[in-house]
Amino acid sequence: MFGTEMHWITFVILLSQLMVLFFQIINYFSNINDQHAKRYLILIVVYINYNFFSGIFPDSNINFLIVIQNIIAYSAGIIFAVYFIYYLYKEFHITPFIYFTIKRVILYLSVLFVCLFIIPYAFTLNLTLARKLFIGIPLVLAIIFSFKALIELIKILKQKLENTTEKHFKLRVISANFGIISFLMLPLMVFIGDYQHIEQPLVNFGFFIMAFAYIKNHIYQRKREAYLLIELKNKLKEDKTKEMLSQFRLTNKEFEIATHILEGYLYKDIGEMLFITEKTVSKHASNIFKKIEVTNRKDFQEYFK
């Protein structure tokens, strides 16, 4: 596409991820101390990095060695794999598996990549041979890690199912399961061969499910924060109103009725709540207005706005 080796499917995936990136940059800078937002922002960048370099390289029209291009493309895949594992550990509070700590994963992949990919490829210039030599062990490691991670996420999901109030987090856990399955497709597709139009959709479908769950959870959290803020403002306003009312030497009954009037209730409704007649409420209201020196209900409500 556009005179490059990039398949149109990869291009569409990149465009979609750039839109998600734009949303996440705004989200991150609206609350720069949010570590969840920071980790997810980096995850998007890592996906974009992987898709761009594995999509555009190797290309004989680009003016530097094909060997270097392939090394860069495969390096982008390794960076993606390492960060994806890190993201799962941190985001879902999974204790790193004993043989799959981030330091060990970096060590395994770096040594394997240099010894079984870069060196053989540099000497033979045979990409297929270098790929086959390199990918076998990472594929086995990816299968073992994915199996263990899926078990951990299922445990977390079972715990969350007992608490129905955390449905949005449960959705994120479910989406992470799909993310792991698509993550496993990376070494599998590298082992099979270079089929960009198949590899990119398989490796990225988990990203879009995770993105949907993340954005849905983000919207829920923002709504919840807005609701709590409104509740806090109403509570402060209510406390301030009660403090102002206490200055006018109202009786307990008058204070109660005054509070309900300010809440917008009709005299009839107030009477039903307090088990008194509407006429009695009206009489109390008149006494309240006299003490506060207002003439009617409307002026009374305006006074306390």
C-alpha atoms as a PDB file:
ATOM      1  CA  MET A   1       0.000   0.000   0.000  1.00  0.00           C
ATOM      2  CA  PHE A   2       1.284   3.499  -0.910  1.00  0.00           C
ATOM      3  CA  GLY A   3       4.214   1.829  -2.657  1.00  0.00           C
ATOM      4  CA  THR A   4       5.270  -0.063   0.501  1.00  0.00           C
ATOM      5  CA  GLU A   5       5.020  -3.657   1.716  1.00  0.00           C
ATOM      6  CA  MET A   6       2.264  -2.708   4.174  1.00  0.00           C
ATOM      7  CA  HIS A   7      -1.003  -4.574   3.563  1.00  0.00           C
ATOM      8  CA  TRP A   8      -4.201  -2.522   3.580  1.00  0.00           C
ATOM      9  CA  ILE A   9      -5.470  -4.534   6.576  1.00  0.00           C
ATOM     10  CA  THR A  10      -2.407  -3.476   8.588  1.00  0.00           C
ATOM     11  CA  PHE A  11      -2.985   0.126   7.491  1.00  0.00           C
ATOM     12  CA  VAL A  12      -6.616   0.054   8.701  1.00  0.00           C
ATOM     13  CA  ILE A  13      -5.520  -1.470  12.030  1.00  0.00           C
ATOM     14  CA  LEU A  14      -2.892   1.276  12.443  1.00  0.00           C
ATOM     15  CA  LEU A  15      -5.425   4.020  11.704  1.00  0.00           C
ATOM     16  CA  SER A  16      -7.813   2.561  14.290  1.00  0.00           C
ATOM     17  CA  GLN A  17      -5.060   2.339  16.893  1.00  0.00           C
ATOM     18  CA  LEU A  18      -3.992   5.931  16.208  1.00  0.00           C
ATOM     19  CA  MET A  19      -7.553   7.041  16.971  1.00  0.00           C
ATOM     20  CA  VAL A  20      -7.490   5.079  20.236  1.00  0.00           C
ATOM     21  CA  LEU A  21      -4.074   6.646  20.961  1.00  0.00           C
ATOM     22  CA  PHE A  22      -5.505  10.159  20.452  1.00  0.00           C
ATOM     23  CA  PHE A  23      -8.312   9.396  22.922  1.00  0.00           C
ATOM     24  CA  GLN A  24      -5.860   7.952  25.446  1.00  0.00           C
ATOM     25  CA  ILE A  25      -3.437  10.899  25.246  1.00  0.00           C
ATOM     26  CA  ILE A  26      -6.307  13.242  26.167  1.00  0.00           C
ATOM     27  CA  ASN A  27      -7.373  10.854  28.929  1.00  0.00           C
ATOM     28  CA  TYR A  28      -3.850  10.546  30.328  1.00  0.00           C
ATOM     29  CA  PHE A  29      -3.139  14.280  30.424  1.00  0.00           C
ATOM     30  CA  SER A  30      -6.486  14.923  32.116  1.00  0.00           C
ATOM     31  CA  ASN A  31      -5.137  12.934  35.072  1.00  0.00           C
ATOM     32  CA  ILE A  32      -1.385  12.545  34.720  1.00  0.00           C
ATOM     33  CA  ASN A  33      -1.051  10.608  38.004  1.00  0.00           C
ATOM     34  CA  ASP A  34      -3.293   7.775  36.789  1.00  0.00           C
ATOM     35  CA  GLN A  35      -0.937   4.793  36.399  1.00  0.00           C
ATOM     36  CA  HIS A  36      -3.635   2.704  34.664  1.00  0.00           C
ATOM     37  CA  ALA A  37      -3.946   5.341  31.948  1.00  0.00           C
ATOM     38  CA  LYS A  38      -0.161   5.567  31.613  1.00  0.00           C
ATOM     39  CA  ARG A  39       0.272   1.799  31.223  1.00  0.00           C
ATOM     40  CA  TYR A  40      -2.515   1.606  28.668  1.00  0.00           C
ATOM     41  CA  LEU A  41      -1.069   4.539  26.706  1.00  0.00           C
ATOM     42  CA  ILE A  42       2.278   2.739  26.466  1.00  0.00           C
ATOM     43  CA  LEU A  43       0.492  -0.481  25.439  1.00  0.00           C
ATOM     44  CA  ILE A  44      -1.133   1.330  22.491  1.00  0.00           C
ATOM     45  CA  VAL A  45       2.232   2.777  21.426  1.00  0.00           C
ATOM     46  CA  VAL A  46       3.802  -0.698  21.614  1.00  0.00           C
ATOM     47  CA  TYR A  47       1.045  -2.173  19.424  1.00  0.00           C
ATOM     48  CA  ILE A  48       1.448   0.660  16.898  1.00  0.00           C
ATOM     49  CA  ASN A  49       5.229   0.194  16.889  1.00  0.00           C
ATOM     50  CA  TYR A  50       4.834  -3.551  16.220  1.00  0.00           C
ATOM     51  CA  ASN A  51       2.237  -3.087  13.466  1.00  0.00           C
ATOM     52  CA  PHE A  52       4.153  -0.311  11.723  1.00  0.00           C
ATOM     53  CA  PHE A  53       7.547  -2.018  11.529  1.00  0.00           C
ATOM     54  CA  SER A  54       6.228  -5.516  10.856  1.00  0.00           C
ATOM     55  CA  GLY A  55       3.988  -4.005   8.186  1.00  0.00           C
ATOM     56  CA  ILE A  56       6.489  -1.813   6.378  1.00  0.00           C
ATOM     57  CA  PHE A  57       9.593  -4.065   6.620  1.00  0.00           C
ATOM     58  CA  PRO A  58      11.226  -5.658   4.751  1.00  0.00           C
ATOM     59  CA  ASP A  59      11.008  -3.422   1.684  1.00  0.00           C
ATOM     60  CA  SER A  60      13.676  -3.399  -1.048  1.00  0.00           C
ATOM     61  CA  ASN A  61      12.636   0.155  -1.980  1.00  0.00           C
ATOM     62  CA  ILE A  62      13.826   1.452   1.405  1.00  0.00           C
ATOM     63  CA  ASN A  63      17.440   2.503   1.208  1.00  0.00           C
ATOM     64  CA  PHE A  64      19.091   0.348   3.864  1.00  0.00           C
ATOM     65  CA  LEU A  65      19.932  -3.325   4.311  1.00  0.00           C
ATOM     66  CA  ILE A  66      17.082  -5.856   4.281  1.00  0.00           C
ATOM     67  CA  VAL A  67      18.881  -7.675   7.111  1.00  0.00           C
ATOM     68  CA  ILE A  68      18.637  -4.573   9.329  1.00  0.00           C
ATOM     69  CA  GLN A  69      15.004  -4.062   8.347  1.00  0.00           C
ATOM     70  CA  ASN A  70      14.105  -7.599   9.401  1.00  0.00           C
ATOM     71  CA  ILE A  71      15.996  -7.270  12.682  1.00  0.00           C
ATOM     72  CA  ILE A  72      14.062  -4.049  13.446  1.00  0.00           C
ATOM     73  CA  ALA A  73      10.728  -5.700  12.555  1.00  0.00           C
ATOM     74  CA  TYR A  74      11.396  -8.733  14.778  1.00  0.00           C
ATOM     75  CA  SER A  75      12.694  -6.474  17.574  1.00  0.00           C
ATOM     76  CA  ALA A  76       9.361  -4.614  17.520  1.00  0.00           C
ATOM     77  CA  GLY A  77       7.613  -7.960  18.058  1.00  0.00           C
ATOM     78  CA  ILE A  78       9.869  -8.772  21.026  1.00  0.00           C
ATOM     79  CA  ILE A  79       9.225  -5.353  22.610  1.00  0.00           C
ATOM     80  CA  PHE A  80       5.495  -5.960  22.179  1.00  0.00           C
ATOM     81  CA  ALA A  81       5.708  -9.411  23.829  1.00  0.00           C
ATOM     82  CA  VAL A  82       7.707  -8.143  26.833  1.00  0.00           C
ATOM     83  CA  TYR A  83       5.477  -5.143  27.483  1.00  0.00           C
ATOM     84  CA  PHE A  84       2.267  -7.147  27.059  1.00  0.00           C
ATOM     85  CA  ILE A  85       3.405  -9.519  29.813  1.00  0.00           C
ATOM     86  CA  TYR A  86       4.376  -6.559  32.024  1.00  0.00           C
ATOM     87  CA  TYR A  87       0.986  -4.929  31.377  1.00  0.00           C
ATOM     88  CA  LEU A  88      -0.922  -8.055  32.426  1.00  0.00           C
ATOM     89  CA  TYR A  89       1.087  -8.402  35.630  1.00  0.00           C
ATOM     90  CA  LYS A  90       0.598  -4.778  36.672  1.00  0.00           C
ATOM     91  CA  GLU A  91      -2.937  -4.109  35.470  1.00  0.00           C
ATOM     92  CA  PHE A  92      -4.525  -7.253  36.922  1.00  0.00           C
ATOM     93  CA  HIS A  93      -2.280  -7.588  39.986  1.00  0.00           C
ATOM     94  CA  ILE A  94      -0.896 -10.953  38.938  1.00  0.00           C
ATOM     95  CA  THR A  95       2.169 -12.043  40.896  1.00  0.00           C
ATOM     96  CA  PRO A  96       4.912 -12.650  38.271  1.00  0.00           C
ATOM     97  CA  PHE A  97       5.357 -16.354  37.574  1.00  0.00           C
ATOM     98  CA  ILE A  98       8.665 -17.642  38.935  1.00  0.00           C
ATOM     99  CA  TYR A  99      10.244 -18.312  35.520  1.00  0.00           C
ATOM    100  CA  PHE A 100       8.470 -15.439  33.798  1.00  0.00           C
ATOM    101  CA  THR A 101       9.508 -12.321  35.684  1.00  0.00           C
ATOM    102  CA  ILE A 102      10.011  -9.357  33.364  1.00  0.00           C
ATOM    103  CA  LYS A 103      13.803  -9.456  33.816  1.00  0.00           C
ATOM    104  CA  ARG A 104      13.916 -13.147  32.933  1.00  0.00           C
ATOM    105  CA  VAL A 105      11.649 -12.721  29.914  1.00  0.00           C
ATOM    106  CA  ILE A 106      13.899  -9.932  28.611  1.00  0.00           C
ATOM    107  CA  LEU A 107      16.973 -12.108  29.221  1.00  0.00           C
ATOM    108  CA  TYR A 108      15.469 -15.183  27.506  1.00  0.00           C
ATOM    109  CA  LEU A 109      14.288 -13.322  24.429  1.00  0.00           C
ATOM    110  CA  SER A 110      17.450 -11.193  24.078  1.00  0.00           C
ATOM    111  CA  VAL A 111      19.807 -14.176  24.236  1.00  0.00           C
ATOM    112  CA  LEU A 112      17.636 -16.276  21.911  1.00  0.00           C
ATOM    113  CA  PHE A 113      17.215 -13.401  19.465  1.00  0.00           C
ATOM    114  CA  VAL A 114      20.942 -12.677  19.239  1.00  0.00           C
ATOM    115  CA  CYS A 115      22.146 -16.292  19.194  1.00  0.00           C
ATOM    116  CA  LEU A 116      19.411 -17.967  17.153  1.00  0.00           C
ATOM    117  CA  PHE A 117      18.213 -15.160  14.886  1.00  0.00           C
ATOM    118  CA  ILE A 118      20.667 -12.278  14.382  1.00  0.00           C
ATOM    119  CA  ILE A 119      23.877 -14.356  14.131  1.00  0.00           C
ATOM    120  CA  PRO A 120      22.483 -17.116  11.854  1.00  0.00           C
ATOM    121  CA  TYR A 121      20.666 -14.533   9.717  1.00  0.00           C
ATOM    122  CA  ALA A 122      23.755 -12.310   9.384  1.00  0.00           C
ATOM    123  CA  PHE A 123      25.903 -15.247   8.254  1.00  0.00           C
ATOM    124  CA  THR A 124      23.427 -17.093   6.001  1.00  0.00           C
ATOM    125  CA  LEU A 125      21.067 -14.281   4.909  1.00  0.00           C
ATOM    126  CA  ASN A 126      18.382 -16.960   5.085  1.00  0.00           C
ATOM    127  CA  LEU A 127      15.402 -15.420   6.902  1.00  0.00           C
ATOM    128  CA  THR A 128      13.364 -18.636   6.916  1.00  0.00           C
ATOM    129  CA  LEU A 129      16.193 -20.577   8.560  1.00  0.00           C
ATOM    130  CA  ALA A 130      16.826 -17.855  11.168  1.00  0.00           C
ATOM    131  CA  ARG A 131      13.120 -17.585  11.922  1.00  0.00           C
ATOM    132  CA  LYS A 132      12.734 -21.342  12.414  1.00  0.00           C
ATOM    133  CA  LEU A 133      15.839 -21.518  14.628  1.00  0.00           C
ATOM    134  CA  PHE A 134      14.695 -18.636  16.796  1.00  0.00           C
ATOM    135  CA  ILE A 135      10.940 -18.994  17.227  1.00  0.00           C
ATOM    136  CA  GLY A 136      10.679 -22.556  18.574  1.00  0.00           C
ATOM    137  CA  ILE A 137      11.631 -21.818  22.209  1.00  0.00           C
ATOM    138  CA  PRO A 138       9.715 -18.480  22.413  1.00  0.00           C
ATOM    139  CA  LEU A 139       6.643 -20.282  21.064  1.00  0.00           C
ATOM    140  CA  VAL A 140       6.851 -22.903  23.822  1.00  0.00           C
ATOM    141  CA  LEU A 141       7.433 -20.180  26.439  1.00  0.00           C
ATOM    142  CA  ALA A 142       4.470 -18.193  25.088  1.00  0.00           C
ATOM    143  CA  ILE A 143       2.196 -21.249  25.326  1.00  0.00           C
ATOM    144  CA  ILE A 144       3.262 -21.947  28.928  1.00  0.00           C
ATOM    145  CA  PHE A 145       2.888 -18.277  29.951  1.00  0.00           C
ATOM    146  CA  SER A 146      -0.496 -17.928  28.223  1.00  0.00           C
ATOM    147  CA  PHE A 147      -1.824 -21.062  29.918  1.00  0.00           C
ATOM    148  CA  LYS A 148      -0.712 -19.864  33.379  1.00  0.00           C
ATOM    149  CA  ALA A 149      -2.003 -16.322  32.762  1.00  0.00           C
ATOM    150  CA  LEU A 150      -5.407 -17.565  31.597  1.00  0.00           C
ATOM    151  CA  ILE A 151      -5.728 -19.676  34.768  1.00  0.00           C
ATOM    152  CA  GLU A 152      -4.872 -16.634  36.936  1.00  0.00           C
ATOM    153  CA  LEU A 153      -7.368 -14.417  35.114  1.00  0.00           C
ATOM    154  CA  ILE A 154     -10.090 -17.050  35.464  1.00  0.00           C
ATOM    155  CA  LYS A 155      -9.409 -17.110  39.236  1.00  0.00           C
ATOM    156  CA  ILE A 156      -9.685 -13.313  39.347  1.00  0.00           C
ATOM    157  CA  LEU A 157     -12.902 -13.466  37.313  1.00  0.00           C
ATOM    158  CA  LYS A 158     -14.455 -15.994  39.704  1.00  0.00           C
ATOM    159  CA  GLN A 159     -13.630 -13.725  42.640  1.00  0.00           C
ATOM    160  CA  LYS A 160     -15.216 -10.735  40.882  1.00  0.00           C
ATOM    161  CA  LEU A 161     -18.362 -12.699  39.987  1.00  0.00           C
ATOM    162  CA  GLU A 162     -19.150 -12.774  43.702  1.00  0.00           C
ATOM    163  CA  ASN A 163     -19.266  -8.971  43.657  1.00  0.00           C
ATOM    164  CA  THR A 164     -21.830  -7.828  41.088  1.00  0.00           C
ATOM    165  CA  THR A 165     -20.857  -4.157  41.525  1.00  0.00           C
ATOM    166  CA  GLU A 166     -17.577  -4.714  39.688  1.00  0.00           C
ATOM    167  CA  LYS A 167     -19.042  -5.697  36.314  1.00  0.00           C
ATOM    168  CA  HIS A 168     -16.851  -3.256  34.375  1.00  0.00           C
ATOM    169  CA  PHE A 169     -13.659  -4.680  35.861  1.00  0.00           C
ATOM    170  CA  LYS A 170     -14.946  -8.177  35.062  1.00  0.00           C
ATOM    171  CA  LEU A 171     -15.380  -7.088  31.449  1.00  0.00           C
ATOM    172  CA  ARG A 172     -11.745  -5.968  31.416  1.00  0.00           C
ATOM    173  CA  VAL A 173     -10.631  -9.330  32.822  1.00  0.00           C
ATOM    174  CA  ILE A 174     -12.602 -11.158  30.123  1.00  0.00           C
ATOM    175  CA  SER A 175     -11.079  -8.900  27.448  1.00  0.00           C
ATOM    176  CA  ALA A 176      -7.599  -9.685  28.817  1.00  0.00           C
ATOM    177  CA  ASN A 177      -8.279 -13.381  28.127  1.00  0.00           C
ATOM    178  CA  PHE A 178      -8.868 -12.528  24.484  1.00  0.00           C
ATOM    179  CA  GLY A 179      -5.719 -10.386  24.586  1.00  0.00           C
ATOM    180  CA  ILE A 180      -3.674 -13.388  25.742  1.00  0.00           C
ATOM    181  CA  ILE A 181      -5.079 -15.589  22.990  1.00  0.00           C
ATOM    182  CA  SER A 182      -4.209 -12.997  20.319  1.00  0.00           C
ATOM    183  CA  PHE A 183      -0.785 -12.491  21.959  1.00  0.00           C
ATOM    184  CA  LEU A 184      -0.152 -16.212  21.491  1.00  0.00           C
ATOM    185  CA  MET A 185      -0.839 -15.805  17.768  1.00  0.00           C
ATOM    186  CA  LEU A 186       2.359 -13.741  17.353  1.00  0.00           C
ATOM    187  CA  PRO A 187       4.968 -16.513  17.830  1.00  0.00           C
ATOM    188  CA  LEU A 188       2.639 -18.994  16.149  1.00  0.00           C
ATOM    189  CA  MET A 189       2.337 -16.871  12.989  1.00  0.00           C
ATOM    190  CA  VAL A 190       6.101 -16.172  12.976  1.00  0.00           C
ATOM    191  CA  PHE A 191       6.656 -19.939  13.104  1.00  0.00           C
ATOM    192  CA  ILE A 192       4.248 -20.547  10.202  1.00  0.00           C
ATOM    193  CA  GLY A 193       5.593 -17.794   7.949  1.00  0.00           C
ATOM    194  CA  ASP A 194       5.245 -14.201   6.781  1.00  0.00           C
ATOM    195  CA  TYR A 195       1.534 -13.738   6.095  1.00  0.00           C
ATOM    196  CA  GLN A 196       0.891 -10.113   7.065  1.00  0.00           C
ATOM    197  CA  HIS A 197      -2.798 -10.136   6.056  1.00  0.00           C
ATOM    198  CA  ILE A 198      -3.381 -13.045   8.486  1.00  0.00           C
ATOM    199  CA  GLU A 199      -0.884 -12.212  11.270  1.00  0.00           C
ATOM    200  CA  GLN A 200      -1.972  -8.617  11.937  1.00  0.00           C
ATOM    201  CA  PRO A 201      -5.720  -9.336  12.406  1.00  0.00           C
ATOM    202  CA  LEU A 202      -5.006 -12.375  14.604  1.00  0.00           C
ATOM    203  CA  VAL A 203      -2.463 -10.583  16.808  1.00  0.00           C
ATOM    204  CA  ASN A 204      -4.552  -7.399  17.046  1.00  0.00           C
ATOM    205  CA  PHE A 205      -8.105  -8.663  17.570  1.00  0.00           C
ATOM    206  CA  GLY A 206      -7.427  -8.948  21.304  1.00  0.00           C
ATOM    207  CA  PHE A 207      -6.275  -5.325  21.375  1.00  0.00           C
ATOM    208  CA  PHE A 208      -9.611  -4.062  20.064  1.00  0.00           C
ATOM    209  CA  ILE A 209     -11.587  -6.152  22.559  1.00  0.00           C
ATOM    210  CA  MET A 210      -9.360  -4.801  25.355  1.00  0.00           C
ATOM    211  CA  ALA A 211      -9.760  -1.262  23.984  1.00  0.00           C
ATOM    212  CA  PHE A 212     -13.559  -1.588  24.020  1.00  0.00           C
ATOM    213  CA  ALA A 213     -13.503  -2.840  27.625  1.00  0.00           C
ATOM    214  CA  TYR A 214     -11.041  -0.120  28.694  1.00  0.00           C
ATOM    215  CA  ILE A 215     -13.074   2.714  27.123  1.00  0.00           C
ATOM    216  CA  LYS A 216     -16.327   1.338  28.551  1.00  0.00           C
ATOM    217  CA  ASN A 217     -14.729   1.150  32.004  1.00  0.00           C
ATOM    218  CA  HIS A 218     -13.288   4.658  31.550  1.00  0.00           C
ATOM    219  CA  ILE A 219     -16.740   6.096  30.751  1.00  0.00           C
ATOM    220  CA  TYR A 220     -18.231   4.282  33.750  1.00  0.00           C
ATOM    221  CA  GLN A 221     -15.526   5.625  36.079  1.00  0.00           C
ATOM    222  CA  ARG A 222     -15.967   9.203  34.822  1.00  0.00           C
ATOM    223  CA  LYS A 223     -19.746   8.975  35.290  1.00  0.00           C
ATOM    224  CA  ARG A 224     -19.219   7.587  38.775  1.00  0.00           C
ATOM    225  CA  GLU A 225     -16.783  10.386  39.644  1.00  0.00           C
ATOM    226  CA  ALA A 226     -19.261  12.989  38.331  1.00  0.00           C
ATOM    227  CA  TYR A 227     -22.081  11.417  40.372  1.00  0.00           C
ATOM    228  CA  LEU A 228     -19.952  11.402  43.541  1.00  0.00           C
ATOM    229  CA  LEU A 229     -18.963  15.032  42.914  1.00  0.00           C
ATOM    230  CA  ILE A 230     -22.617  16.047  42.552  1.00  0.00           C
ATOM    231  CA  GLU A 231     -23.447  14.146  45.746  1.00  0.00           C
ATOM    232  CA  LEU A 232     -20.627  15.929  47.571  1.00  0.00           C
ATOM    233  CA  LYS A 233     -21.775  19.339  46.311  1.00  0.00           C
ATOM    234  CA  ASN A 234     -25.355  18.593  47.363  1.00  0.00           C
ATOM    235  CA  LYS A 235     -24.162  17.445  50.788  1.00  0.00           C
ATOM    236  CA  LEU A 236     -22.115  20.620  51.259  1.00  0.00           C
ATOM    237  CA  LYS A 237     -25.052  22.732  50.114  1.00  0.00           C
ATOM    238  CA  GLU A 238     -27.377  20.858  52.474  1.00  0.00           C
ATOM    239  CA  ASP A 239     -24.986  21.349  55.403  1.00  0.00           C
ATOM    240  CA  LYS A 240     -24.646  25.042  54.595  1.00  0.00           C
ATOM    241  CA  THR A 241     -28.445  25.417  54.350  1.00  0.00           C
ATOM    242  CA  LYS A 242     -28.960  23.686  57.693  1.00  0.00           C
ATOM    243  CA  GLU A 243     -26.318  25.916  59.240  1.00  0.00           C
ATOM    244  CA  MET A 244     -28.114  29.008  57.910  1.00  0.00           C
ATOM    245  CA  LEU A 245     -31.521  27.762  59.111  1.00  0.00           C
ATOM    246  CA  SER A 246     -30.162  27.156  62.604  1.00  0.00           C
ATOM    247  CA  GLN A 247     -29.571  30.910  62.967  1.00  0.00           C
ATOM    248  CA  PHE A 248     -33.315  31.729  62.903  1.00  0.00           C
ATOM    249  CA  ARG A 249     -34.400  29.935  66.104  1.00  0.00           C
ATOM    250  CA  LEU A 250     -36.805  27.585  64.387  1.00  0.00           C
ATOM    251  CA  THR A 251     -38.541  24.850  66.347  1.00  0.00           C
ATOM    252  CA  ASN A 252     -37.615  21.262  65.527  1.00  0.00           C
ATOM    253  CA  LYS A 253     -40.803  20.836  63.475  1.00  0.00           C
ATOM    254  CA  GLU A 254     -40.266  24.152  61.656  1.00  0.00           C
ATOM    255  CA  PHE A 255     -36.665  23.202  60.892  1.00  0.00           C
ATOM    256  CA  GLU A 256     -37.817  19.868  59.436  1.00  0.00           C
ATOM    257  CA  ILE A 257     -40.533  21.506  57.317  1.00  0.00           C
ATOM    258  CA  ALA A 258     -38.170  24.268  56.141  1.00  0.00           C
ATOM    259  CA  THR A 259     -35.684  21.631  54.975  1.00  0.00           C
ATOM    260  CA  HIS A 260     -38.378  19.812  52.963  1.00  0.00           C
ATOM    261  CA  ILE A 261     -39.596  23.069  51.394  1.00  0.00           C
ATOM    262  CA  LEU A 262     -36.054  23.806  50.246  1.00  0.00           C
ATOM    263  CA  GLU A 263     -35.885  20.284  48.787  1.00  0.00           C
ATOM    264  CA  GLY A 264     -38.861  21.235  46.579  1.00  0.00           C
ATOM    265  CA  TYR A 265     -41.636  19.221  48.214  1.00  0.00           C
ATOM    266  CA  LEU A 266     -45.239  20.500  48.163  1.00  0.00           C
ATOM    267  CA  TYR A 267     -47.069  21.141  51.439  1.00  0.00           C
ATOM    268  CA  LYS A 268     -49.292  18.117  50.783  1.00  0.00           C
ATOM    269  CA  ASP A 269     -46.242  15.848  50.337  1.00  0.00           C
ATOM    270  CA  ILE A 270     -44.594  17.233  53.459  1.00  0.00           C
ATOM    271  CA  GLY A 271     -47.789  16.593  55.436  1.00  0.00           C
ATOM    272  CA  GLU A 272     -47.856  12.967  54.307  1.00  0.00           C
ATOM    273  CA  MET A 273     -44.195  12.465  55.239  1.00  0.00           C
ATOM    274  CA  LEU A 274     -44.638  14.022  58.699  1.00  0.00           C
ATOM    275  CA  PHE A 275     -48.174  12.632  59.333  1.00  0.00           C
ATOM    276  CA  ILE A 276     -49.753  16.083  59.692  1.00  0.00           C
ATOM    277  CA  THR A 277     -52.317  17.942  57.608  1.00  0.00           C
ATOM    278  CA  GLU A 278     -51.479  20.229  54.696  1.00  0.00           C
ATOM    279  CA  LYS A 279     -53.076  23.088  56.661  1.00  0.00           C
ATOM    280  CA  THR A 280     -50.710  22.485  59.583  1.00  0.00           C
ATOM    281  CA  VAL A 281     -47.742  22.491  57.222  1.00  0.00           C
ATOM    282  CA  SER A 282     -48.961  25.792  55.745  1.00  0.00           C
ATOM    283  CA  LYS A 283     -49.259  27.310  59.232  1.00  0.00           C
ATOM    284  CA  HIS A 284     -45.713  26.213  60.132  1.00  0.00           C
ATOM    285  CA  ALA A 285     -44.471  27.600  56.811  1.00  0.00           C
ATOM    286  CA  SER A 286     -46.015  31.009  57.582  1.00  0.00           C
ATOM    287  CA  ASN A 287     -44.201  31.089  60.935  1.00  0.00           C
ATOM    288  CA  ILE A 288     -40.953  30.141  59.192  1.00  0.00           C
ATOM    289  CA  PHE A 289     -41.338  32.918  56.606  1.00  0.00           C
ATOM    290  CA  LYS A 290     -42.012  35.492  59.366  1.00  0.00           C
ATOM    291  CA  LYS A 291     -38.876  34.499  61.297  1.00  0.00           C
ATOM    292  CA  ILE A 292     -36.729  34.678  58.160  1.00  0.00           C
ATOM    293  CA  GLU A 293     -38.481  37.857  57.014  1.00  0.00           C
ATOM    294  CA  VAL A 294     -39.654  36.666  53.603  1.00  0.00           C
ATOM    295  CA  THR A 295     -43.186  36.887  52.253  1.00  0.00           C
ATOM    296  CA  ASN A 296     -43.723  33.584  50.447  1.00  0.00           C
ATOM    297  CA  ARG A 297     -42.351  30.174  49.495  1.00  0.00           C
ATOM    298  CA  LYS A 298     -40.622  31.450  46.339  1.00  0.00           C
ATOM    299  CA  ASP A 299     -38.761  34.204  48.230  1.00  0.00           C
ATOM    300  CA  PHE A 300     -37.826  31.656  50.907  1.00  0.00           C
ATOM    301  CA  GLN A 301     -36.266  29.316  48.341  1.00  0.00           C
ATOM    302  CA  GLU A 302     -34.486  32.204  46.612  1.00  0.00           C
ATOM    303  CA  TYR A 303     -33.035  33.313  49.963  1.00  0.00           C
ATOM    304  CA  PHE A 304     -31.225  29.998  50.414  1.00  0.00           C
ATOM    305  CA  LYS A 305     -29.954  29.533  46.850  1.00  0.00           C
END
